Protein backbone atom coordinates (compact mmCIF):
# COMPACT_ATOMS: atom_id res chain seq x y z
CA MET A 1 155.96 19.29 -185.24
CA SER A 2 159.42 20.74 -185.91
CA VAL A 3 162.55 18.66 -186.26
CA ASP A 4 163.70 19.90 -182.87
CA ASP A 5 160.47 18.83 -181.22
CA ARG A 6 160.95 15.27 -182.40
CA PHE A 7 164.22 14.97 -180.54
CA THR A 8 163.27 16.70 -177.30
CA ARG A 9 160.46 14.38 -176.24
CA SER A 10 162.93 12.13 -174.43
CA VAL A 11 166.63 11.52 -174.11
CA ARG A 12 166.07 8.51 -176.32
CA GLU A 13 163.53 5.87 -177.07
CA PRO A 14 163.84 2.41 -175.44
CA ASP A 15 166.01 0.00 -177.37
CA PRO A 16 164.48 -3.36 -178.26
CA GLU A 17 167.52 -5.31 -177.12
CA GLU A 18 166.77 -4.14 -173.59
CA GLN A 19 163.69 -6.30 -173.32
CA VAL A 20 164.60 -9.16 -171.01
CA GLY A 21 163.76 -12.62 -172.30
CA THR A 22 161.59 -14.86 -170.19
CA ARG A 23 163.26 -18.14 -171.07
CA SER A 24 166.41 -19.88 -169.86
CA GLU A 25 169.36 -17.59 -169.27
CA ILE A 26 172.09 -20.24 -169.61
CA ILE A 27 174.66 -18.92 -172.08
CA THR A 28 178.29 -19.76 -171.45
CA GLY A 29 180.16 -22.76 -170.18
CA PRO A 30 181.84 -25.84 -171.64
CA VAL A 31 180.09 -27.42 -174.62
CA GLY A 32 179.57 -31.17 -174.33
CA ASP A 33 178.07 -31.75 -177.77
CA TRP A 34 177.98 -29.00 -180.38
CA ALA A 35 174.98 -30.62 -182.06
CA THR A 36 172.75 -30.21 -179.00
CA ASP A 37 174.46 -27.49 -176.96
CA PHE A 38 176.25 -25.09 -179.29
CA SER A 39 177.52 -21.71 -178.14
CA HIS A 40 179.26 -19.19 -180.38
CA LEU A 41 180.67 -17.46 -177.30
CA GLU A 42 183.10 -20.21 -176.31
CA PRO A 43 186.88 -19.76 -176.71
CA GLU A 44 187.30 -22.72 -179.07
CA TRP A 45 184.62 -21.28 -181.37
CA ALA A 46 186.31 -17.88 -181.45
CA ALA A 47 189.72 -19.43 -182.10
CA ASP A 48 188.60 -21.66 -185.00
CA PRO A 49 184.92 -22.40 -185.67
CA TYR A 50 185.43 -24.13 -189.01
CA PRO A 51 186.18 -27.67 -187.78
CA ILE A 52 183.11 -27.42 -185.53
CA LEU A 53 180.92 -26.26 -188.41
CA ASP A 54 182.33 -28.90 -190.78
CA GLY A 55 181.55 -31.62 -188.25
CA LEU A 56 178.01 -30.38 -187.72
CA ARG A 57 177.38 -30.09 -191.45
CA GLN A 58 178.21 -33.78 -191.84
CA ARG A 59 176.35 -35.25 -188.88
CA CYS A 60 173.76 -32.71 -187.72
CA PRO A 61 173.27 -29.94 -190.26
CA ILE A 62 170.79 -28.04 -188.05
CA ALA A 63 172.22 -27.94 -184.53
CA HIS A 64 170.25 -26.94 -181.43
CA THR A 65 170.95 -25.31 -178.10
CA ASP A 66 168.94 -24.57 -174.98
CA ARG A 67 171.18 -21.60 -174.29
CA PHE A 68 169.90 -18.11 -175.05
CA GLY A 69 166.41 -19.42 -174.37
CA GLY A 70 166.62 -21.86 -177.28
CA GLY A 71 168.12 -21.61 -180.73
CA TRP A 72 169.12 -23.33 -183.96
CA LEU A 73 172.23 -23.30 -186.12
CA PRO A 74 171.85 -24.37 -189.77
CA THR A 75 175.24 -25.12 -191.30
CA ARG A 76 174.50 -25.96 -194.95
CA TYR A 77 174.40 -23.24 -197.59
CA GLU A 78 170.98 -24.29 -198.84
CA ASP A 79 169.45 -24.10 -195.34
CA VAL A 80 171.05 -20.76 -194.52
CA ALA A 81 169.83 -19.35 -197.83
CA ALA A 82 166.31 -20.75 -197.41
CA ILE A 83 165.89 -19.06 -194.02
CA ALA A 84 167.49 -15.81 -195.17
CA TYR A 85 164.95 -15.54 -197.99
CA ASP A 86 161.95 -16.67 -195.89
CA THR A 87 160.54 -13.52 -194.30
CA GLU A 88 157.13 -15.13 -193.78
CA ARG A 89 158.31 -17.55 -191.10
CA PHE A 90 161.40 -15.81 -189.72
CA SER A 91 161.60 -12.30 -188.29
CA SER A 92 164.59 -9.94 -188.24
CA ARG A 93 163.34 -7.85 -185.32
CA SER A 94 166.46 -8.81 -183.37
CA ILE A 95 169.68 -9.78 -185.11
CA VAL A 96 171.95 -10.28 -182.08
CA MET A 97 171.35 -13.61 -180.32
CA SER A 98 171.16 -13.11 -176.55
CA ASN A 99 168.70 -13.48 -173.69
CA PHE A 100 166.97 -10.30 -174.82
CA ARG A 101 164.04 -10.73 -177.17
CA PRO A 102 162.30 -7.55 -178.28
CA PRO A 103 158.51 -7.62 -178.11
CA ARG A 104 156.71 -8.74 -181.24
CA GLU A 105 154.98 -5.38 -181.37
CA LEU A 106 158.28 -3.86 -182.43
CA ALA A 107 158.01 -5.53 -185.84
CA PRO A 108 158.13 -4.60 -188.65
CA VAL A 109 160.42 -1.66 -187.80
CA GLY A 110 162.77 -3.12 -185.19
CA GLY A 111 165.28 -1.19 -183.15
CA THR A 112 167.99 -0.68 -185.81
CA PRO A 113 166.20 -0.29 -189.17
CA PRO A 114 166.54 -1.53 -191.82
CA ILE A 115 168.54 -4.55 -190.62
CA SER A 116 166.00 -5.22 -187.84
CA SER A 117 163.00 -4.56 -190.08
CA ASP A 118 160.56 -7.01 -191.64
CA PRO A 119 158.55 -6.49 -194.84
CA PRO A 120 156.93 -4.34 -195.94
CA PHE A 121 158.64 -1.63 -193.88
CA HIS A 122 162.11 -3.00 -194.61
CA HIS A 123 162.03 -2.16 -198.31
CA ASP A 124 161.30 1.52 -197.74
CA ALA A 125 163.72 1.92 -194.82
CA ARG A 126 166.51 0.31 -196.84
CA LYS A 127 165.74 2.46 -199.88
CA LEU A 128 166.44 5.57 -197.80
CA LEU A 129 170.05 4.49 -197.33
CA LEU A 130 170.86 3.43 -200.88
CA PRO A 131 172.04 6.85 -202.21
CA ALA A 132 174.81 7.02 -199.59
CA PHE A 133 176.21 3.61 -200.55
CA THR A 134 176.25 3.59 -204.35
CA LYS A 135 179.53 2.88 -206.11
CA THR A 136 179.73 6.53 -207.14
CA ALA A 137 179.17 7.81 -203.60
CA VAL A 138 181.69 5.33 -202.22
CA SER A 139 184.31 6.25 -204.82
CA ARG A 140 184.33 9.81 -203.48
CA ARG A 141 185.65 8.49 -200.16
CA GLU A 142 188.49 6.43 -201.56
CA ALA A 143 191.19 9.13 -201.68
CA ALA A 144 190.66 10.08 -198.02
CA ALA A 145 190.63 6.41 -196.97
CA ARG A 146 193.87 5.76 -198.85
CA ALA A 147 195.60 8.77 -197.31
CA TYR A 148 194.50 7.67 -193.86
CA CYS A 149 195.86 4.15 -194.42
CA HIS A 150 199.22 5.66 -195.33
CA SER A 151 199.20 7.79 -192.19
CA LEU A 152 198.59 4.72 -190.04
CA ILE A 153 201.56 2.93 -191.58
CA ASP A 154 203.70 6.06 -191.23
CA ALA A 155 203.26 5.60 -187.48
CA PHE A 156 205.01 2.21 -187.67
CA GLU A 157 208.32 3.89 -188.44
CA GLY A 158 211.25 2.31 -186.62
CA ARG A 159 209.29 -0.67 -185.25
CA ASP A 160 209.74 -4.35 -186.05
CA VAL A 161 206.45 -5.63 -184.57
CA VAL A 162 203.05 -3.96 -184.88
CA ASP A 163 199.48 -4.97 -184.13
CA ALA A 164 197.88 -5.14 -187.59
CA ALA A 165 194.41 -5.35 -186.05
CA GLY A 166 194.65 -2.84 -183.21
CA GLU A 167 196.89 -0.33 -184.98
CA TYR A 168 195.61 -0.62 -188.53
CA ALA A 169 192.52 -2.65 -189.42
CA GLN A 170 190.18 -1.26 -186.77
CA HIS A 171 190.97 2.39 -187.43
CA ILE A 172 190.13 2.44 -191.13
CA PRO A 173 186.36 1.79 -190.94
CA MET A 174 186.19 3.87 -187.75
CA ARG A 175 187.46 6.88 -189.68
CA VAL A 176 185.33 6.23 -192.77
CA ILE A 177 182.09 5.73 -190.83
CA SER A 178 182.72 8.66 -188.49
CA ASP A 179 183.29 10.87 -191.53
CA MET A 180 180.07 9.63 -193.13
CA LEU A 181 178.04 10.27 -189.99
CA GLY A 182 179.79 13.52 -189.15
CA PHE A 183 181.10 12.30 -185.79
CA PRO A 184 184.33 13.57 -184.22
CA PRO A 185 187.18 11.37 -185.50
CA GLU A 186 188.81 11.41 -182.08
CA ASP A 187 185.83 9.42 -180.73
CA GLY A 188 187.17 6.24 -182.34
CA PRO A 189 188.10 4.59 -179.01
CA ARG A 190 184.52 5.07 -177.83
CA PHE A 191 183.24 3.31 -180.95
CA ARG A 192 185.31 0.25 -180.09
CA VAL A 193 183.74 0.13 -176.63
CA PHE A 194 180.23 0.41 -178.12
CA ILE A 195 180.99 -2.41 -180.58
CA GLU A 196 182.34 -4.76 -177.94
CA ASN A 197 179.43 -4.03 -175.61
CA VAL A 198 176.79 -4.75 -178.25
CA LEU A 199 178.32 -7.73 -180.05
CA GLU A 200 180.52 -9.37 -177.43
CA GLY A 201 178.65 -8.42 -174.27
CA VAL A 202 175.65 -10.70 -174.68
CA ASN A 203 176.52 -12.62 -171.50
CA LEU A 204 176.54 -9.54 -169.27
CA PRO A 205 173.90 -9.17 -166.54
CA PRO A 206 170.73 -7.56 -167.91
CA GLU A 207 171.20 -4.31 -166.00
CA GLU A 208 174.76 -3.94 -167.28
CA ARG A 209 173.73 -4.64 -170.86
CA MET A 210 170.95 -2.06 -170.54
CA ALA A 211 173.44 0.48 -169.21
CA ASN A 212 175.70 -0.18 -172.20
CA PHE A 213 172.88 0.43 -174.66
CA GLN A 214 171.99 3.58 -172.73
CA GLU A 215 175.55 4.84 -173.13
CA LEU A 216 175.52 4.15 -176.88
CA PHE A 217 172.20 5.87 -177.51
CA ASP A 218 173.03 8.79 -175.23
CA TYR A 219 176.10 9.36 -177.40
CA LEU A 220 174.01 9.17 -180.57
CA TYR A 221 171.50 11.71 -179.26
CA VAL A 222 174.34 14.10 -178.40
CA GLN A 223 175.44 13.83 -182.02
CA ILE A 224 171.89 14.33 -183.27
CA HIS A 225 171.45 17.49 -181.20
CA ASP A 226 174.80 18.79 -182.43
CA HIS A 227 173.61 18.25 -186.00
CA LEU A 228 170.32 19.99 -185.26
CA ALA A 229 172.27 23.01 -184.07
CA ASN A 230 174.89 22.76 -186.82
CA PRO A 231 173.49 21.02 -189.92
CA ARG A 232 176.08 19.80 -192.42
CA ASP A 233 176.36 17.57 -195.44
CA ASP A 234 176.61 14.14 -193.84
CA LEU A 235 174.53 11.05 -193.21
CA THR A 236 173.27 12.15 -189.79
CA THR A 237 171.77 15.36 -191.14
CA TYR A 238 170.37 13.37 -194.06
CA LEU A 239 168.56 10.99 -191.68
CA ILE A 240 167.23 13.86 -189.56
CA ASP A 241 165.78 15.50 -192.66
CA ALA A 242 164.64 12.33 -194.44
CA GLU A 243 160.96 11.54 -194.92
CA LEU A 244 159.12 8.24 -195.06
CA TYR A 245 155.43 8.01 -195.96
CA GLY A 246 155.25 11.81 -196.03
CA GLN A 247 156.63 12.29 -192.52
CA LYS A 248 160.01 12.90 -190.96
CA LEU A 249 161.61 9.81 -189.44
CA GLN A 250 160.82 9.06 -185.81
CA PRO A 251 163.68 9.67 -183.33
CA GLU A 252 164.08 5.96 -182.67
CA HIS A 253 164.39 5.32 -186.42
CA VAL A 254 167.10 7.95 -186.80
CA SER A 255 169.09 6.82 -183.76
CA GLY A 256 168.57 3.13 -184.54
CA THR A 257 169.91 3.48 -188.08
CA MET A 258 172.86 5.49 -186.78
CA ALA A 259 173.58 2.72 -184.27
CA LEU A 260 173.47 0.15 -187.08
CA LEU A 261 175.88 2.11 -189.25
CA LEU A 262 178.24 2.76 -186.37
CA ILE A 263 178.35 -0.80 -185.02
CA ALA A 264 177.96 -2.95 -188.14
CA GLY A 265 179.73 -0.54 -190.47
CA ILE A 266 182.87 -0.63 -188.38
CA ASP A 267 183.19 -4.11 -186.94
CA THR A 268 182.46 -6.12 -190.06
CA THR A 269 185.04 -4.33 -192.21
CA TRP A 270 187.58 -4.17 -189.41
CA SER A 271 187.23 -7.95 -189.07
CA ALA A 272 187.54 -8.56 -192.82
CA ILE A 273 190.69 -6.45 -193.11
CA GLY A 274 192.23 -8.12 -190.08
CA ALA A 275 191.42 -11.67 -191.23
CA SER A 276 192.89 -10.95 -194.66
CA LEU A 277 196.12 -9.66 -193.13
CA TRP A 278 196.22 -12.66 -190.80
CA HIS A 279 195.99 -15.01 -193.77
CA LEU A 280 198.72 -13.20 -195.68
CA ALA A 281 200.97 -13.09 -192.63
CA LYS A 282 200.80 -16.86 -192.24
CA THR A 283 200.75 -17.74 -195.96
CA PRO A 284 203.89 -16.33 -197.59
CA ALA A 285 203.13 -17.82 -201.00
CA ASP A 286 199.84 -15.90 -201.26
CA ARG A 287 201.44 -12.73 -199.89
CA GLU A 288 204.33 -12.89 -202.35
CA ARG A 289 202.01 -13.54 -205.27
CA LEU A 290 199.81 -10.55 -204.45
CA VAL A 291 202.85 -8.30 -204.11
CA ALA A 292 204.06 -9.50 -207.52
CA GLU A 293 200.57 -9.46 -209.12
CA PRO A 294 198.64 -6.57 -207.52
CA GLU A 295 195.99 -6.85 -210.26
CA LEU A 296 194.93 -10.14 -208.63
CA LEU A 297 193.92 -8.41 -205.40
CA PRO A 298 190.21 -7.87 -206.22
CA THR A 299 189.83 -11.59 -206.91
CA ALA A 300 191.82 -12.57 -203.82
CA MET A 301 189.77 -10.17 -201.75
CA GLU A 302 186.56 -11.99 -202.64
CA GLU A 303 188.18 -15.25 -201.58
CA PHE A 304 189.18 -13.76 -198.23
CA LEU A 305 185.57 -12.64 -197.79
CA ARG A 306 184.35 -16.14 -198.56
CA ALA A 307 186.85 -18.04 -196.46
CA TYR A 308 186.83 -15.66 -193.48
CA ALA A 309 183.31 -14.21 -193.70
CA PRO A 310 182.99 -12.20 -190.48
CA VAL A 311 179.22 -12.05 -190.01
CA THR A 312 176.66 -14.42 -188.53
CA MET A 313 173.16 -12.97 -188.39
CA ALA A 314 170.27 -13.92 -186.12
CA ARG A 315 166.58 -14.38 -186.84
CA LEU A 316 163.58 -15.24 -184.64
CA VAL A 317 161.04 -17.94 -185.46
CA LYS A 318 157.60 -16.38 -185.86
CA GLU A 319 155.37 -19.34 -184.96
CA ASP A 320 155.71 -22.95 -183.81
CA MET A 321 156.48 -25.14 -186.81
CA THR A 322 158.41 -28.09 -188.16
CA TRP A 323 161.12 -26.88 -190.51
CA HIS A 324 163.29 -29.32 -192.48
CA GLY A 325 162.67 -32.03 -189.91
CA VAL A 326 163.22 -30.04 -186.70
CA ASP A 327 160.52 -28.69 -184.37
CA MET A 328 161.03 -24.97 -183.95
CA LYS A 329 159.16 -22.94 -181.35
CA ALA A 330 157.97 -19.36 -181.62
CA ASP A 331 160.78 -16.97 -180.64
CA ASP A 332 163.49 -19.60 -181.00
CA TRP A 333 166.67 -18.03 -182.30
CA ILE A 334 168.17 -18.95 -185.65
CA LEU A 335 171.84 -18.22 -186.24
CA LEU A 336 172.45 -17.68 -189.95
CA SER A 337 176.10 -18.65 -190.22
CA PHE A 338 177.28 -17.13 -193.48
CA PRO A 339 180.80 -18.36 -192.60
CA SER A 340 179.46 -21.93 -192.54
CA ALA A 341 177.51 -21.45 -195.78
CA ASN A 342 180.71 -20.22 -197.42
CA ARG A 343 182.57 -23.40 -196.41
CA ASP A 344 179.92 -25.82 -197.67
CA PRO A 345 181.57 -28.28 -200.11
CA GLU A 346 178.21 -28.78 -201.84
CA GLN A 347 178.37 -25.11 -202.86
CA PHE A 348 182.09 -24.46 -203.33
CA ASP A 349 184.88 -26.55 -204.82
CA ARG A 350 187.81 -26.93 -202.40
CA ALA A 351 185.64 -25.16 -199.84
CA ASP A 352 188.10 -25.51 -196.99
CA GLU A 353 191.00 -24.04 -198.98
CA VAL A 354 191.84 -20.38 -199.63
CA VAL A 355 192.27 -20.12 -203.39
CA ILE A 356 193.21 -16.52 -204.13
CA ASP A 357 192.61 -16.85 -207.88
CA ARG A 358 189.20 -18.53 -207.51
CA GLU A 359 187.21 -17.43 -210.55
CA VAL A 360 183.65 -18.40 -209.60
CA ASN A 361 182.89 -17.13 -206.13
CA ARG A 362 179.25 -16.46 -205.31
CA HIS A 363 179.91 -16.20 -201.60
CA ALA A 364 177.47 -15.09 -198.91
CA ALA A 365 179.81 -12.91 -196.85
CA PHE A 366 177.46 -9.93 -197.27
CA GLY A 367 174.39 -11.97 -196.49
CA LEU A 368 171.54 -13.35 -198.57
CA GLY A 369 167.99 -12.23 -199.21
CA ILE A 370 166.45 -8.83 -198.54
CA HIS A 371 168.95 -8.02 -195.80
CA ARG A 372 172.04 -8.34 -197.98
CA CYS A 373 174.49 -5.72 -196.74
CA VAL A 374 173.57 -2.25 -198.00
CA GLY A 375 177.16 -1.15 -197.46
CA SER A 376 178.89 -3.86 -199.50
CA HIS A 377 180.40 -1.37 -201.97
CA LEU A 378 181.82 0.64 -199.09
CA ALA A 379 183.20 -2.44 -197.34
CA ARG A 380 184.84 -3.67 -200.53
CA MET A 381 186.45 -0.28 -201.13
CA GLU A 382 187.82 -0.12 -197.59
CA LEU A 383 189.13 -3.69 -197.75
CA ARG A 384 190.76 -3.17 -201.15
CA VAL A 385 192.39 0.12 -200.22
CA ALA A 386 193.57 -1.20 -196.85
CA LEU A 387 195.24 -4.21 -198.50
CA GLU A 388 196.65 -2.23 -201.42
CA VAL A 389 198.33 0.29 -199.14
CA TRP A 390 199.58 -2.36 -196.72
CA LEU A 391 201.10 -4.55 -199.45
CA GLU A 392 202.67 -1.51 -201.09
CA ARG A 393 204.20 -0.24 -197.86
CA VAL A 394 204.73 -3.54 -196.00
CA PRO A 395 205.38 -6.18 -198.67
CA SER A 396 207.10 -8.56 -196.26
CA PHE A 397 205.51 -9.50 -192.95
CA SER A 398 204.74 -12.56 -190.86
CA LEU A 399 203.01 -13.54 -187.63
CA ALA A 400 205.19 -12.42 -184.74
CA ASP A 401 203.50 -14.82 -182.33
CA PRO A 402 200.69 -17.03 -183.63
CA GLU A 403 199.60 -17.83 -180.08
CA ALA A 404 199.08 -14.13 -179.34
CA VAL A 405 196.44 -13.67 -182.04
CA ARG A 406 193.07 -13.12 -180.38
CA TRP A 407 189.74 -13.40 -182.21
CA ALA A 408 186.48 -11.73 -181.29
CA THR A 409 183.69 -13.82 -179.81
CA GLY A 410 180.09 -13.45 -180.85
CA GLN A 411 178.48 -12.95 -184.22
CA VAL A 412 181.18 -10.86 -185.88
CA ARG A 413 184.49 -12.70 -185.96
CA GLY A 414 187.82 -11.13 -186.75
CA PRO A 415 191.23 -10.78 -185.13
CA ARG A 416 191.29 -8.28 -182.27
CA THR A 417 195.02 -8.67 -181.62
CA LEU A 418 197.29 -9.48 -184.55
CA PRO A 419 201.00 -8.98 -183.84
CA VAL A 420 203.01 -9.12 -187.07
CA ARG A 421 206.72 -8.81 -187.72
CA ILE A 422 207.64 -6.41 -190.51
CA GLY A 423 210.42 -7.36 -192.88
């Protein structure tokens, strides 16, 4: 079978997230007790989840909800780590908590490999991506990323107030990832729509959510066919040509991995850059110190990642069991809150403070276990360059209107609107 034949069998393969769950479809609405009815989609969670998580960690370290068809929220570092490393009892076949549970038959591949893959397939699918995300490969993208950051700030000329999230943070990973995949850079606005649909649209009616996934994968297949007609040196062509177990990758593997890189590769870094700028805008002492001591930025950056970790990842319970004193049912969701793990005082000294010169910082912002972020080198480069250029060009800035800052809901949290005053 030729490469072309693989991608002409259908417009695209069905996406696992489109499988409608059979359990309760209650998702949003006021939370009476976060220990028994949590919801990461509520406005108070998006605005500031840390007091909620701190309270749960003290009185009910593994919270429960009947929403989403049933789920659990461990809040202590040790519990989050234990589940992240336990691939025997917890599956990664769906990593976005919603009313959609993919069929068990989809394991061990999942719909967006390797992040949705279970062992043993996960190891080999992840290994395919490693060459594109080494420190050496990432370093080759730094000059272009830095030039692009400067061009974004050039556009601020003559303005006193800018949106540091909407006009700066979001565009940097969009450009880097689109360059890596060989997508048209002008498609950036479409990427934002895809991201919001996948990560923030979990409460949409099933037919609307399905239509959103259809739109995303239709776009990806257009890009795949363009690369089949015009091969070039980028990650999309690499995936089309890659082999696993002596065979070319299946179409759903290629498109699923592209979807992962597009969605996760953009939103996580966008959120980290935005949260870091938010902190510096509201904390003049830290901002002034980093301007005066730029060599401290790599250390401060790790602290921003710890304190404002953007990602919470989902797992599914494989079989009925009692785990650490709670009775979990097969296909219950688990939300692995890396932000909560990073604020656990049993793991970190002064856990609720942002200490930009923190020396020991084994944070979990990039995850734990076999699914630790394959793109961590890339994300760190983008975050460092984005902050270096901003602090060089905009050394003095503050929140223009703290009440106007809007944070994303769902499993990737970062500022979506961040008005700052320059000077």
